[in-house]
Amino acid sequence: MRRPGSQTKVGFWESGERLSDFDYPVGVGAVAISASGEFGALTTLDNKVHLVRDATELFSYDLSITFHPGVRVSSEGDLLVSGQLPSLDGQVWLFDRNGDLLWDVRIEQESDGWRPTIGFVPDPDVFYIRNKRSVRLLRIVNRDPNCCDGL
């Protein structure tokens, strides 16, 4: 248990060498590392998601959720996040490595408030969203956040 006012330290290492540390004023909920090892992502208990590349934080985003999300990061630095909204609906966000929101979708509430499961497949442009009733397989065809809802 964390003491009030304490920080969570997250360290980044490569080949046994410490690259850097980040101090977060709150605890960490979920962590993901890309298959390439170049990107890392984490969620914090203040409902933010952070994307890191080579031990440098690229961006953070406030998710405005009530349940700690799942997080995945592709080898290209695309960030996929899932969580539960105050309405108990599931929510999925897709960001590019610059922090631009490419796409998001709300998934209707299930009887027990179950949040969606997410992930990237070996093709970094393809990801899945699974809930209790279905699996969606989606392909990123456009990374311009101002065009075509990104997918």
N, C-alpha and C. Protein backbone atom coordinates (compact mmCIF):
# COMPACT_ATOMS: atom_id res chain seq x y z
N MET A 1 0.84 -1.18 0.00
CA MET A 1 0.00 0.00 0.00
C MET A 1 0.89 1.25 0.00
N ARG A 2 0.52 2.20 -0.79
CA ARG A 2 1.29 3.43 -0.89
C ARG A 2 0.87 4.39 0.22
N ARG A 3 1.82 5.10 0.74
CA ARG A 3 1.52 6.12 1.74
C ARG A 3 1.06 7.39 1.04
N PRO A 4 0.12 8.15 1.61
CA PRO A 4 -0.28 9.43 1.01
C PRO A 4 0.94 10.32 0.80
N GLY A 5 1.00 10.92 -0.38
CA GLY A 5 2.10 11.80 -0.70
C GLY A 5 3.31 11.09 -1.28
N SER A 6 3.31 9.75 -1.29
CA SER A 6 4.45 9.04 -1.85
C SER A 6 4.33 8.96 -3.37
N GLN A 7 5.44 8.68 -4.03
CA GLN A 7 5.47 8.61 -5.48
C GLN A 7 5.78 7.18 -5.91
N THR A 8 5.43 6.87 -7.16
CA THR A 8 5.80 5.61 -7.76
C THR A 8 6.92 5.89 -8.75
N LYS A 9 8.00 5.16 -8.63
CA LYS A 9 9.14 5.34 -9.53
C LYS A 9 9.10 4.21 -10.56
N VAL A 10 9.19 4.58 -11.84
CA VAL A 10 9.24 3.62 -12.93
C VAL A 10 10.59 3.78 -13.60
N GLY A 11 11.35 2.69 -13.66
CA GLY A 11 12.68 2.73 -14.25
C GLY A 11 12.71 2.07 -15.62
N PHE A 12 13.55 2.57 -16.48
CA PHE A 12 13.73 2.02 -17.82
C PHE A 12 15.16 1.53 -17.96
N TRP A 13 15.30 0.27 -18.39
CA TRP A 13 16.59 -0.40 -18.49
C TRP A 13 16.78 -0.97 -19.89
N GLU A 14 18.01 -1.05 -20.32
CA GLU A 14 18.34 -1.74 -21.56
C GLU A 14 19.66 -2.46 -21.38
N SER A 15 19.64 -3.76 -21.64
CA SER A 15 20.85 -4.60 -21.51
C SER A 15 21.54 -4.38 -20.16
N GLY A 16 20.75 -4.32 -19.10
CA GLY A 16 21.28 -4.18 -17.76
C GLY A 16 21.71 -2.78 -17.37
N GLU A 17 21.54 -1.81 -18.25
CA GLU A 17 21.94 -0.44 -17.97
C GLU A 17 20.69 0.41 -17.73
N ARG A 18 20.69 1.14 -16.62
CA ARG A 18 19.56 2.02 -16.29
C ARG A 18 19.61 3.24 -17.20
N LEU A 19 18.50 3.46 -17.96
CA LEU A 19 18.43 4.60 -18.87
C LEU A 19 17.85 5.83 -18.20
N SER A 20 16.75 5.65 -17.49
CA SER A 20 16.11 6.79 -16.83
C SER A 20 15.05 6.31 -15.86
N ASP A 21 14.57 7.22 -15.06
CA ASP A 21 13.47 6.97 -14.12
C ASP A 21 12.43 8.06 -14.29
N PHE A 22 11.18 7.69 -14.08
CA PHE A 22 10.09 8.66 -14.01
C PHE A 22 9.45 8.52 -12.65
N ASP A 23 9.10 9.64 -12.05
CA ASP A 23 8.35 9.64 -10.80
C ASP A 23 6.92 10.02 -11.11
N TYR A 24 5.98 9.18 -10.70
CA TYR A 24 4.56 9.47 -10.87
C TYR A 24 3.97 9.69 -9.48
N PRO A 25 3.15 10.74 -9.33
CA PRO A 25 2.62 11.06 -8.00
C PRO A 25 1.59 10.05 -7.50
N VAL A 26 1.19 9.13 -8.36
CA VAL A 26 0.20 8.11 -7.98
C VAL A 26 0.72 6.75 -8.44
N GLY A 27 0.00 5.70 -8.06
CA GLY A 27 0.40 4.35 -8.43
C GLY A 27 0.20 4.05 -9.90
N VAL A 28 0.78 2.95 -10.33
CA VAL A 28 0.68 2.48 -11.71
C VAL A 28 -0.33 1.34 -11.76
N GLY A 29 -1.24 1.40 -12.78
CA GLY A 29 -2.28 0.38 -12.92
C GLY A 29 -1.92 -0.74 -13.87
N ALA A 30 -1.39 -0.42 -15.04
CA ALA A 30 -1.06 -1.43 -16.06
C ALA A 30 0.18 -0.97 -16.83
N VAL A 31 0.94 -1.93 -17.32
CA VAL A 31 2.17 -1.65 -18.07
C VAL A 31 2.20 -2.53 -19.30
N ALA A 32 2.70 -1.99 -20.42
CA ALA A 32 2.89 -2.76 -21.65
C ALA A 32 4.19 -2.35 -22.31
N ILE A 33 4.83 -3.30 -22.97
CA ILE A 33 6.05 -3.05 -23.74
C ILE A 33 5.83 -3.58 -25.15
N SER A 34 6.23 -2.82 -26.16
CA SER A 34 6.06 -3.26 -27.54
C SER A 34 6.97 -4.46 -27.81
N ALA A 35 6.62 -5.24 -28.84
CA ALA A 35 7.42 -6.40 -29.21
C ALA A 35 8.85 -5.99 -29.56
N SER A 36 9.02 -4.81 -30.12
CA SER A 36 10.35 -4.32 -30.49
C SER A 36 11.14 -3.85 -29.27
N GLY A 37 10.47 -3.61 -28.14
CA GLY A 37 11.12 -3.09 -26.95
C GLY A 37 11.36 -1.59 -27.01
N GLU A 38 11.01 -0.96 -28.11
CA GLU A 38 11.27 0.47 -28.29
C GLU A 38 10.27 1.34 -27.54
N PHE A 39 9.03 0.85 -27.42
CA PHE A 39 7.96 1.63 -26.79
C PHE A 39 7.45 0.95 -25.53
N GLY A 40 7.06 1.76 -24.57
CA GLY A 40 6.41 1.27 -23.37
C GLY A 40 5.20 2.15 -23.09
N ALA A 41 4.23 1.59 -22.41
CA ALA A 41 3.03 2.35 -22.05
C ALA A 41 2.64 1.96 -20.63
N LEU A 42 2.04 2.91 -19.92
CA LEU A 42 1.55 2.60 -18.59
C LEU A 42 0.36 3.47 -18.27
N THR A 43 -0.50 2.93 -17.42
CA THR A 43 -1.62 3.71 -16.90
C THR A 43 -1.34 4.00 -15.43
N THR A 44 -1.80 5.16 -14.98
CA THR A 44 -1.61 5.54 -13.59
C THR A 44 -2.96 5.68 -12.91
N LEU A 45 -2.94 5.62 -11.59
CA LEU A 45 -4.18 5.61 -10.82
C LEU A 45 -4.93 6.93 -10.86
N ASP A 46 -4.36 7.95 -11.49
CA ASP A 46 -5.10 9.19 -11.71
C ASP A 46 -5.78 9.17 -13.08
N ASN A 47 -5.94 7.96 -13.66
CA ASN A 47 -6.67 7.71 -14.90
C ASN A 47 -6.01 8.33 -16.13
N LYS A 48 -4.69 8.30 -16.16
CA LYS A 48 -3.96 8.76 -17.33
C LYS A 48 -3.23 7.59 -17.96
N VAL A 49 -2.98 7.72 -19.25
CA VAL A 49 -2.13 6.76 -19.95
C VAL A 49 -0.91 7.53 -20.45
N HIS A 50 0.26 6.89 -20.40
CA HIS A 50 1.52 7.51 -20.77
C HIS A 50 2.21 6.63 -21.81
N LEU A 51 2.75 7.23 -22.86
CA LEU A 51 3.52 6.50 -23.86
C LEU A 51 4.98 6.94 -23.77
N VAL A 52 5.88 5.97 -23.75
CA VAL A 52 7.31 6.21 -23.58
C VAL A 52 8.05 5.55 -24.74
N ARG A 53 9.06 6.25 -25.27
CA ARG A 53 9.92 5.68 -26.31
C ARG A 53 11.37 5.89 -25.89
N ASP A 54 12.11 4.80 -25.88
CA ASP A 54 13.52 4.88 -25.50
C ASP A 54 13.73 5.71 -24.24
N ALA A 55 12.91 5.44 -23.22
CA ALA A 55 13.02 6.08 -21.90
C ALA A 55 12.68 7.57 -21.90
N THR A 56 11.98 8.06 -22.93
CA THR A 56 11.52 9.45 -22.98
C THR A 56 10.00 9.44 -23.10
N GLU A 57 9.32 10.13 -22.20
CA GLU A 57 7.86 10.16 -22.28
C GLU A 57 7.44 11.01 -23.48
N LEU A 58 6.62 10.42 -24.37
CA LEU A 58 6.15 11.12 -25.56
C LEU A 58 4.88 11.92 -25.29
N PHE A 59 3.94 11.33 -24.53
CA PHE A 59 2.72 12.05 -24.18
C PHE A 59 1.99 11.33 -23.07
N SER A 60 1.04 12.04 -22.46
CA SER A 60 0.09 11.43 -21.53
C SER A 60 -1.29 11.96 -21.89
N TYR A 61 -2.32 11.19 -21.54
CA TYR A 61 -3.69 11.54 -21.92
C TYR A 61 -4.61 11.16 -20.76
N ASP A 62 -5.52 12.06 -20.42
CA ASP A 62 -6.50 11.80 -19.36
C ASP A 62 -7.65 10.99 -19.93
N LEU A 63 -7.89 9.81 -19.38
CA LEU A 63 -8.89 8.89 -19.92
C LEU A 63 -10.30 9.11 -19.36
N SER A 64 -10.44 9.76 -18.22
CA SER A 64 -11.75 10.00 -17.60
C SER A 64 -12.55 8.70 -17.48
N ILE A 65 -11.96 7.72 -16.81
CA ILE A 65 -12.60 6.43 -16.62
C ILE A 65 -12.73 6.13 -15.14
N THR A 66 -13.48 5.07 -14.82
CA THR A 66 -13.64 4.69 -13.42
C THR A 66 -12.94 3.38 -13.09
N PHE A 67 -12.55 2.61 -14.10
CA PHE A 67 -11.88 1.34 -13.86
C PHE A 67 -10.57 1.34 -14.63
N HIS A 68 -9.51 0.86 -14.02
CA HIS A 68 -8.19 0.90 -14.64
C HIS A 68 -8.18 0.13 -15.95
N PRO A 69 -7.65 0.77 -16.95
CA PRO A 69 -7.70 0.20 -18.29
C PRO A 69 -6.65 -0.85 -18.55
N GLY A 70 -6.90 -1.59 -19.63
CA GLY A 70 -5.88 -2.43 -20.21
C GLY A 70 -5.10 -1.54 -21.17
N VAL A 71 -3.85 -1.86 -21.41
CA VAL A 71 -3.04 -1.05 -22.31
C VAL A 71 -2.14 -1.98 -23.12
N ARG A 72 -2.00 -1.67 -24.41
CA ARG A 72 -1.11 -2.40 -25.32
C ARG A 72 -0.44 -1.37 -26.22
N VAL A 73 0.79 -1.68 -26.64
CA VAL A 73 1.50 -0.78 -27.54
C VAL A 73 2.12 -1.62 -28.65
N SER A 74 1.98 -1.15 -29.89
CA SER A 74 2.51 -1.88 -31.04
C SER A 74 3.98 -1.54 -31.24
N SER A 75 4.64 -2.30 -32.11
CA SER A 75 6.05 -2.02 -32.41
C SER A 75 6.21 -0.72 -33.17
N GLU A 76 5.09 -0.16 -33.71
CA GLU A 76 5.11 1.13 -34.40
C GLU A 76 4.82 2.29 -33.45
N GLY A 77 4.49 1.98 -32.21
CA GLY A 77 4.18 3.02 -31.23
C GLY A 77 2.72 3.39 -31.15
N ASP A 78 1.85 2.64 -31.84
CA ASP A 78 0.42 2.88 -31.69
C ASP A 78 0.00 2.37 -30.32
N LEU A 79 -0.87 3.12 -29.67
CA LEU A 79 -1.27 2.82 -28.30
C LEU A 79 -2.75 2.48 -28.27
N LEU A 80 -3.08 1.33 -27.73
CA LEU A 80 -4.45 0.85 -27.61
C LEU A 80 -4.78 0.75 -26.13
N VAL A 81 -5.88 1.37 -25.72
CA VAL A 81 -6.26 1.43 -24.31
C VAL A 81 -7.72 1.04 -24.16
N SER A 82 -8.04 0.26 -23.13
CA SER A 82 -9.44 -0.05 -22.84
C SER A 82 -9.72 0.24 -21.37
N GLY A 83 -10.96 0.61 -21.09
CA GLY A 83 -11.34 0.89 -19.72
C GLY A 83 -12.84 0.90 -19.56
N GLN A 84 -13.29 1.29 -18.39
CA GLN A 84 -14.71 1.33 -18.09
C GLN A 84 -15.10 2.75 -17.71
N LEU A 85 -16.13 3.26 -18.36
CA LEU A 85 -16.62 4.61 -18.13
C LEU A 85 -17.52 4.65 -16.89
N PRO A 86 -17.82 5.84 -16.37
CA PRO A 86 -18.74 5.94 -15.23
C PRO A 86 -20.10 5.30 -15.51
N SER A 87 -20.52 5.26 -16.77
CA SER A 87 -21.79 4.62 -17.14
C SER A 87 -21.71 3.10 -17.11
N LEU A 88 -20.53 2.56 -16.86
CA LEU A 88 -20.20 1.14 -16.88
C LEU A 88 -20.06 0.57 -18.29
N ASP A 89 -20.18 1.41 -19.32
CA ASP A 89 -19.88 0.98 -20.68
C ASP A 89 -18.38 0.82 -20.80
N GLY A 90 -17.96 -0.06 -21.71
CA GLY A 90 -16.54 -0.18 -22.02
C GLY A 90 -16.15 0.91 -23.01
N GLN A 91 -14.89 1.26 -23.05
CA GLN A 91 -14.39 2.26 -23.99
C GLN A 91 -13.03 1.80 -24.48
N VAL A 92 -12.77 1.99 -25.78
CA VAL A 92 -11.46 1.67 -26.36
C VAL A 92 -10.97 2.90 -27.12
N TRP A 93 -9.69 3.24 -26.93
CA TRP A 93 -9.06 4.36 -27.62
C TRP A 93 -7.87 3.83 -28.40
N LEU A 94 -7.59 4.44 -29.57
CA LEU A 94 -6.39 4.14 -30.34
C LEU A 94 -5.67 5.46 -30.61
N PHE A 95 -4.43 5.56 -30.15
CA PHE A 95 -3.60 6.75 -30.34
C PHE A 95 -2.42 6.40 -31.22
N ASP A 96 -1.90 7.38 -31.96
CA ASP A 96 -0.63 7.16 -32.62
C ASP A 96 0.48 7.60 -31.67
N ARG A 97 1.72 7.41 -32.07
CA ARG A 97 2.85 7.71 -31.19
C ARG A 97 3.01 9.19 -30.87
N ASN A 98 2.32 10.06 -31.63
CA ASN A 98 2.37 11.50 -31.37
C ASN A 98 1.31 11.95 -30.37
N GLY A 99 0.47 11.02 -29.94
CA GLY A 99 -0.60 11.37 -29.00
C GLY A 99 -1.89 11.78 -29.68
N ASP A 100 -1.95 11.65 -31.00
CA ASP A 100 -3.20 11.96 -31.71
C ASP A 100 -4.18 10.81 -31.55
N LEU A 101 -5.40 11.13 -31.17
CA LEU A 101 -6.45 10.13 -31.05
C LEU A 101 -6.91 9.77 -32.46
N LEU A 102 -6.65 8.54 -32.88
CA LEU A 102 -7.04 8.10 -34.22
C LEU A 102 -8.46 7.56 -34.25
N TRP A 103 -8.89 6.93 -33.15
CA TRP A 103 -10.19 6.26 -33.18
C TRP A 103 -10.58 5.93 -31.75
N ASP A 104 -11.87 5.95 -31.48
CA ASP A 104 -12.36 5.45 -30.21
C ASP A 104 -13.76 4.89 -30.41
N VAL A 105 -14.15 4.01 -29.53
CA VAL A 105 -15.46 3.38 -29.62
C VAL A 105 -15.95 3.05 -28.22
N ARG A 106 -17.24 3.24 -28.03
CA ARG A 106 -17.89 2.85 -26.78
C ARG A 106 -18.53 1.49 -27.01
N ILE A 107 -18.36 0.60 -26.05
CA ILE A 107 -18.92 -0.75 -26.13
C ILE A 107 -19.95 -0.87 -25.03
N GLU A 108 -21.16 -1.23 -25.42
CA GLU A 108 -22.28 -1.21 -24.46
C GLU A 108 -21.98 -2.05 -23.23
N GLN A 109 -22.60 -1.62 -22.14
CA GLN A 109 -22.40 -2.27 -20.85
C GLN A 109 -22.85 -3.71 -20.90
N GLU A 110 -22.05 -4.56 -20.29
CA GLU A 110 -22.45 -5.95 -20.12
C GLU A 110 -22.90 -6.13 -18.68
N SER A 111 -23.60 -7.20 -18.42
CA SER A 111 -24.28 -7.36 -17.13
C SER A 111 -23.36 -7.22 -15.93
N ASP A 112 -22.11 -7.60 -16.05
CA ASP A 112 -21.21 -7.49 -14.90
C ASP A 112 -20.18 -6.37 -15.05
N GLY A 113 -20.39 -5.46 -16.01
CA GLY A 113 -19.47 -4.34 -16.19
C GLY A 113 -18.11 -4.75 -16.70
N TRP A 114 -18.04 -5.86 -17.41
CA TRP A 114 -16.77 -6.40 -17.92
C TRP A 114 -16.17 -5.48 -18.95
N ARG A 115 -14.88 -5.18 -18.84
CA ARG A 115 -14.25 -4.28 -19.81
C ARG A 115 -13.70 -5.08 -20.99
N PRO A 116 -13.56 -4.45 -22.15
CA PRO A 116 -13.06 -5.15 -23.33
C PRO A 116 -11.60 -5.58 -23.17
N THR A 117 -11.27 -6.70 -23.79
CA THR A 117 -9.89 -7.16 -23.89
C THR A 117 -9.34 -6.67 -25.22
N ILE A 118 -8.10 -6.21 -25.24
CA ILE A 118 -7.53 -5.60 -26.44
C ILE A 118 -6.16 -6.18 -26.72
N GLY A 119 -5.70 -6.01 -27.96
CA GLY A 119 -4.34 -6.42 -28.28
C GLY A 119 -4.02 -6.19 -29.75
N PHE A 120 -2.74 -6.19 -30.04
CA PHE A 120 -2.27 -6.12 -31.42
C PHE A 120 -1.89 -7.54 -31.84
N VAL A 121 -2.12 -7.88 -33.09
CA VAL A 121 -1.67 -9.16 -33.63
C VAL A 121 -0.27 -8.93 -34.21
N PRO A 122 0.42 -9.95 -34.71
CA PRO A 122 1.79 -9.72 -35.22
C PRO A 122 1.90 -8.61 -36.27
N ASP A 123 0.86 -8.39 -37.06
CA ASP A 123 0.85 -7.26 -38.00
C ASP A 123 0.56 -6.01 -37.18
N PRO A 124 1.48 -5.02 -37.10
CA PRO A 124 1.26 -3.87 -36.22
C PRO A 124 0.09 -2.97 -36.62
N ASP A 125 -0.47 -3.18 -37.82
CA ASP A 125 -1.62 -2.39 -38.24
C ASP A 125 -2.95 -3.07 -37.92
N VAL A 126 -2.91 -4.22 -37.29
CA VAL A 126 -4.14 -4.96 -36.98
C VAL A 126 -4.25 -5.14 -35.47
N PHE A 127 -5.44 -4.87 -34.95
CA PHE A 127 -5.68 -5.07 -33.52
C PHE A 127 -7.04 -5.69 -33.32
N TYR A 128 -7.28 -6.20 -32.11
CA TYR A 128 -8.57 -6.82 -31.82
C TYR A 128 -9.17 -6.21 -30.55
N ILE A 129 -10.49 -6.31 -30.50
CA ILE A 129 -11.26 -5.94 -29.32
C ILE A 129 -12.18 -7.12 -29.04
N ARG A 130 -12.12 -7.66 -27.84
CA ARG A 130 -12.96 -8.80 -27.50
C ARG A 130 -13.79 -8.45 -26.28
N ASN A 131 -15.09 -8.71 -26.38
CA ASN A 131 -15.93 -8.64 -25.19
C ASN A 131 -16.57 -10.01 -25.02
N LYS A 132 -17.53 -10.15 -24.13
CA LYS A 132 -18.09 -11.47 -23.86
C LYS A 132 -18.83 -12.06 -25.05
N ARG A 133 -19.36 -11.21 -25.94
CA ARG A 133 -20.20 -11.71 -27.03
C ARG A 133 -19.53 -11.74 -28.39
N SER A 134 -18.42 -11.04 -28.56
CA SER A 134 -17.86 -10.96 -29.91
C SER A 134 -16.38 -10.58 -29.87
N VAL A 135 -15.74 -10.79 -31.04
CA VAL A 135 -14.37 -10.34 -31.25
C VAL A 135 -14.38 -9.49 -32.51
N ARG A 136 -13.80 -8.31 -32.44
CA ARG A 136 -13.66 -7.44 -33.61
C ARG A 136 -12.18 -7.41 -33.99
N LEU A 137 -11.90 -7.61 -35.25
CA LEU A 137 -10.55 -7.51 -35.78
C LEU A 137 -10.53 -6.30 -36.69
N LEU A 138 -9.68 -5.33 -36.40
CA LEU A 138 -9.66 -4.07 -37.14
C LEU A 138 -8.27 -3.79 -37.70
N ARG A 139 -8.23 -3.10 -38.84
CA ARG A 139 -6.97 -2.72 -39.48
C ARG A 139 -6.88 -1.20 -39.54
N ILE A 140 -5.73 -0.66 -39.19
CA ILE A 140 -5.46 0.77 -39.31
C ILE A 140 -5.08 1.03 -40.76
N VAL A 141 -5.90 1.81 -41.47
CA VAL A 141 -5.62 2.09 -42.88
C VAL A 141 -5.22 3.55 -43.10
N ASN A 142 -5.41 4.38 -42.10
CA ASN A 142 -5.07 5.78 -42.25
C ASN A 142 -4.69 6.32 -40.88
N ARG A 143 -3.49 6.85 -40.75
CA ARG A 143 -3.03 7.38 -39.47
C ARG A 143 -3.23 8.89 -39.35
N ASP A 144 -3.93 9.50 -40.28
CA ASP A 144 -4.21 10.93 -40.21
C ASP A 144 -5.41 11.12 -39.29
N PRO A 145 -5.23 11.76 -38.10
CA PRO A 145 -6.34 11.91 -37.15
C PRO A 145 -7.47 12.79 -37.67
N ASN A 146 -7.24 13.53 -38.76
CA ASN A 146 -8.29 14.41 -39.31
C ASN A 146 -9.04 13.78 -40.46
N CYS A 147 -8.75 12.54 -40.75
CA CYS A 147 -9.38 11.90 -41.91
C CYS A 147 -10.05 10.60 -41.53
N CYS A 148 -11.25 10.46 -41.93
CA CYS A 148 -11.91 9.15 -42.01
C CYS A 148 -12.01 8.39 -40.71
N ASP A 149 -12.05 9.03 -39.58
CA ASP A 149 -12.06 8.40 -38.26
C ASP A 149 -10.85 7.52 -38.02
N GLY A 150 -9.79 7.69 -38.81
CA GLY A 150 -8.53 6.96 -38.58
C GLY A 150 -8.51 5.53 -39.07
N LEU A 151 -9.65 4.87 -39.22
CA LEU A 151 -9.66 3.47 -39.66
C LEU A 151 -10.38 3.33 -40.96
